[in-house]
Amino acid sequence: MGIFFLILSVCSVTIFLFAELDAYSRFQNYKMIRDLIFHHGFQGRIIRNFSHSKCQREAAYFAASDLGFKREIKEYFRESGYRWYHVFPDFLWKHPDYLLSKYFWLTTFFTKSYPSKYLNFC
């Protein structure tokens, strides 16, 4: 019985840790996208780099919305074929082994801190 609770505790902590790391990484993406849009204006080539997963699309959506490009980003994602039910990352269907790569783990959970250049955050 003790082993069961130990495994349950480890799983609970692991899920919490991954959720926090993902939230931190998406906030770094948000700051980067917001700076890029602020500096260059809304461009599809900027957003395309951050449209591979639902979380990155959400970060891009909120960054663009904050700068007044809500209609443009909704239109961009619709034209790109993304809908509300596209939750899983694009690569998952073509290359499921990508989940085990170092690049995936670094970009998904361990994104480096991005200091905002143009916009101040609290």
Protein backbone atom coordinates (compact mmCIF):
# COMPACT_ATOMS: atom_id res chain seq x y z
CA MET A 1 0.00 0.00 0.00
CA GLY A 2 2.90 2.35 0.75
CA ILE A 3 4.39 1.81 -2.70
CA PHE A 4 1.06 2.70 -4.31
CA PHE A 5 0.93 6.03 -2.45
CA LEU A 6 4.58 6.70 -3.27
CA ILE A 7 3.92 6.17 -6.99
CA LEU A 8 0.77 8.29 -6.79
CA SER A 9 2.68 11.09 -5.05
CA VAL A 10 5.51 11.04 -7.60
CA CYS A 11 3.00 11.18 -10.49
CA SER A 12 1.15 14.08 -8.87
CA VAL A 13 4.31 16.10 -8.34
CA THR A 14 5.54 15.32 -11.85
CA ILE A 15 2.30 16.48 -13.48
CA PHE A 16 2.36 19.69 -11.44
CA LEU A 17 6.01 20.31 -12.31
CA PHE A 18 5.44 19.82 -16.06
CA ALA A 19 2.41 22.13 -15.98
CA GLU A 20 4.46 24.86 -14.30
CA LEU A 21 7.38 24.45 -16.70
CA ASP A 22 5.03 24.60 -19.69
CA ALA A 23 3.30 27.73 -18.36
CA TYR A 24 6.67 29.41 -17.83
CA SER A 25 7.78 28.49 -21.36
CA ARG A 26 4.57 29.80 -22.92
CA PHE A 27 4.98 33.09 -21.02
CA GLN A 28 8.45 33.42 -22.54
CA ASN A 29 6.91 32.76 -25.98
CA TYR A 30 4.23 35.37 -25.25
CA LYS A 31 6.83 38.02 -24.42
CA MET A 32 8.88 37.19 -27.51
CA ILE A 33 5.87 37.24 -29.85
CA ARG A 34 4.61 40.48 -28.35
CA ASP A 35 8.00 42.13 -28.87
CA LEU A 36 8.23 40.85 -32.45
CA ILE A 37 4.74 42.06 -33.34
CA PHE A 38 5.35 45.39 -31.62
CA HIS A 39 8.58 45.90 -33.58
CA HIS A 40 7.64 44.45 -36.99
CA GLY A 41 3.85 44.59 -37.00
CA PHE A 42 1.61 41.60 -37.56
CA GLN A 43 3.20 39.22 -40.05
CA GLY A 44 2.31 35.61 -40.77
CA ARG A 45 5.95 34.56 -40.98
CA ILE A 46 6.41 35.56 -37.33
CA ILE A 47 3.30 33.73 -36.15
CA ARG A 48 4.10 30.60 -38.20
CA ASN A 49 7.09 29.89 -35.93
CA PHE A 50 4.79 29.76 -32.92
CA SER A 51 1.86 27.81 -34.36
CA HIS A 52 3.01 24.23 -33.86
CA SER A 53 1.05 23.50 -30.69
CA LYS A 54 -2.17 24.68 -29.09
CA CYS A 55 -0.26 26.30 -26.24
CA GLN A 56 1.99 28.26 -28.58
CA ARG A 57 -1.01 29.35 -30.67
CA GLU A 58 -2.71 30.58 -27.50
CA ALA A 59 0.41 32.56 -26.54
CA ALA A 60 0.50 34.09 -30.02
CA TYR A 61 -3.23 34.82 -29.91
CA PHE A 62 -3.01 36.70 -26.60
CA ALA A 63 0.14 38.58 -27.62
CA ALA A 64 -1.46 39.73 -30.88
CA SER A 65 -4.75 40.53 -29.17
CA ASP A 66 -2.97 42.71 -26.63
CA LEU A 67 -1.51 44.75 -29.47
CA GLY A 68 -4.80 45.13 -31.34
CA PHE A 69 -4.42 42.36 -33.92
CA LYS A 70 -7.15 40.03 -32.66
CA ARG A 71 -9.01 39.86 -35.96
CA GLU A 72 -5.81 39.32 -37.97
CA ILE A 73 -4.55 36.45 -35.86
CA LYS A 74 -7.92 34.71 -35.81
CA GLU A 75 -8.01 34.98 -39.59
CA TYR A 76 -4.42 33.74 -39.89
CA PHE A 77 -5.09 30.61 -37.83
CA ARG A 78 -8.35 29.92 -39.68
CA GLU A 79 -6.61 30.21 -43.05
CA SER A 80 -3.82 27.96 -41.78
CA GLY A 81 -6.43 25.28 -41.04
CA TYR A 82 -6.39 25.40 -37.24
CA ARG A 83 -9.66 25.01 -35.37
CA TRP A 84 -10.57 24.92 -31.68
CA TYR A 85 -10.31 21.12 -31.57
CA HIS A 86 -6.69 20.99 -32.80
CA VAL A 87 -5.18 20.38 -29.37
CA PHE A 88 -2.28 18.04 -30.11
CA PRO A 89 0.92 19.41 -31.66
CA ASP A 90 1.29 19.15 -35.43
CA PHE A 91 4.32 16.86 -35.34
CA LEU A 92 2.60 14.24 -33.19
CA TRP A 93 0.85 12.65 -36.17
CA LYS A 94 3.86 12.61 -38.50
CA HIS A 95 6.75 12.01 -36.07
CA PRO A 96 5.58 10.66 -32.69
CA ASP A 97 9.18 9.79 -31.78
CA TYR A 98 9.87 13.55 -31.68
CA LEU A 99 8.46 13.52 -28.12
CA LEU A 100 11.67 11.80 -27.03
CA SER A 101 14.04 14.29 -28.65
CA LYS A 102 16.15 16.73 -26.69
CA TYR A 103 14.94 19.68 -28.80
CA PHE A 104 11.30 18.98 -27.91
CA TRP A 105 12.02 18.92 -24.18
CA LEU A 106 14.14 22.07 -24.32
CA THR A 107 11.60 24.09 -26.30
CA THR A 108 8.51 22.80 -24.52
CA PHE A 109 9.49 22.77 -20.88
CA PHE A 110 12.85 24.51 -20.56
CA THR A 111 12.58 27.65 -22.68
CA LYS A 112 15.20 30.19 -21.72
CA SER A 113 14.09 33.40 -20.06
CA TYR A 114 13.30 36.14 -22.56
CA PRO A 115 13.75 39.72 -21.34
CA SER A 116 11.18 41.93 -23.05
CA LYS A 117 12.88 44.66 -25.08
CA TYR A 118 9.99 46.98 -25.85
CA LEU A 119 7.31 46.30 -23.27
CA ASN A 120 7.63 46.30 -19.51
CA PHE A 121 5.99 43.64 -17.40
CA CYS A 122 5.32 43.74 -13.67
